[in-house]
C-alpha atoms as a PDB file:
ATOM      1  CA  MET A   1      21.953 -34.671  56.552  1.00  0.00           C
ATOM      2  CA  THR A   2      18.631 -36.448  56.161  1.00  0.00           C
ATOM      3  CA  ALA A   3      18.104 -40.013  57.320  1.00  0.00           C
ATOM      4  CA  THR A   4      17.968 -41.271  53.732  1.00  0.00           C
ATOM      5  CA  LYS A   5      21.239 -39.591  52.801  1.00  0.00           C
ATOM      6  CA  GLN A   6      22.885 -40.911  55.968  1.00  0.00           C
ATOM      7  CA  ASN A   7      21.633 -44.441  55.298  1.00  0.00           C
ATOM      8  CA  THR A   8      22.892 -44.266  51.720  1.00  0.00           C
ATOM      9  CA  SER A   9      26.244 -42.986  52.921  1.00  0.00           C
ATOM     10  CA  ASP A  10      26.497 -45.806  55.466  1.00  0.00           C
ATOM     11  CA  LEU A  11      25.676 -48.410  52.821  1.00  0.00           C
ATOM     12  CA  ILE A  12      28.271 -47.024  50.432  1.00  0.00           C
ATOM     13  CA  GLU A  13      30.881 -47.081  53.197  1.00  0.00           C
ATOM     14  CA  LYS A  14      29.986 -50.679  54.088  1.00  0.00           C
ATOM     15  CA  ALA A  15      30.176 -51.735  50.425  1.00  0.00           C
ATOM     16  CA  ALA A  16      33.620 -50.138  50.151  1.00  0.00           C
ATOM     17  CA  GLU A  17      34.825 -52.046  53.237  1.00  0.00           C
ATOM     18  CA  ILE A  18      33.557 -55.352  51.855  1.00  0.00           C
ATOM     19  CA  SER A  19      35.095 -54.729  48.442  1.00  0.00           C
ATOM     20  CA  LYS A  20      38.477 -54.164  50.094  1.00  0.00           C
ATOM     21  CA  GLN A  21      38.144 -57.486  51.910  1.00  0.00           C
ATOM     22  CA  PHE A  22      37.261 -59.261  48.678  1.00  0.00           C
ATOM     23  CA  ALA A  23      40.148 -57.637  46.811  1.00  0.00           C
ATOM     24  CA  LYS A  24      42.739 -58.775  49.371  1.00  0.00           C
ATOM     25  CA  ASP A  25      42.370 -62.448  48.573  1.00  0.00           C
ATOM     26  CA  ALA A  26      40.632 -62.482  45.196  1.00  0.00           C
ATOM     27  CA  GLY A  27      43.594 -64.061  43.431  1.00  0.00           C
ATOM     28  CA  GLU A  28      43.849 -66.894  45.920  1.00  0.00           C
ATOM     29  CA  ARG A  29      40.092 -67.536  45.778  1.00  0.00           C
ATOM     30  CA  GLU A  30      40.275 -67.657  41.992  1.00  0.00           C
ATOM     31  CA  LEU A  31      43.080 -70.219  42.039  1.00  0.00           C
ATOM     32  CA  LEU A  32      41.373 -72.396  44.637  1.00  0.00           C
ATOM     33  CA  GLY A  33      38.018 -72.336  42.900  1.00  0.00           C
ATOM     34  CA  GLY A  34      34.965 -73.481  44.799  1.00  0.00           C
ATOM     35  CA  THR A  35      31.859 -71.530  45.591  1.00  0.00           C
ATOM     36  CA  PRO A  36      31.619 -67.939  46.851  1.00  0.00           C
ATOM     37  CA  LYS A  37      29.547 -68.958  49.893  1.00  0.00           C
ATOM     38  CA  ALA A  38      31.652 -67.042  52.415  1.00  0.00           C
ATOM     39  CA  GLU A  39      31.466 -63.914  50.274  1.00  0.00           C
ATOM     40  CA  ARG A  40      27.685 -64.246  49.844  1.00  0.00           C
ATOM     41  CA  ASP A  41      27.316 -64.710  53.591  1.00  0.00           C
ATOM     42  CA  LEU A  42      29.379 -61.602  54.270  1.00  0.00           C
ATOM     43  CA  ILE A  43      27.222 -59.520  51.928  1.00  0.00           C
ATOM     44  CA  ARG A  44      24.022 -60.851  53.513  1.00  0.00           C
ATOM     45  CA  GLU A  45      25.296 -60.202  57.032  1.00  0.00           C
ATOM     46  CA  SER A  46      26.382 -56.669  56.119  1.00  0.00           C
ATOM     47  CA  GLY A  47      22.814 -55.507  55.584  1.00  0.00           C
ATOM     48  CA  LEU A  48      23.496 -54.353  52.040  1.00  0.00           C
ATOM     49  CA  LEU A  49      20.679 -56.512  50.680  1.00  0.00           C
ATOM     50  CA  ARG A  50      18.045 -55.010  52.991  1.00  0.00           C
ATOM     51  CA  ARG A  51      16.175 -51.782  52.487  1.00  0.00           C
END
């Protein structure tokens, strides 16, 4: 597997992990309202926004 394909695969796997975390408590977050700061921070820290 080339480096690009491996990197893409890693990013997809990381995105799937994060989406599972978000799904676990989405209902509670919706009821509580507020800002999605913790979720934004998690996405930033994951490396998904970097190339």
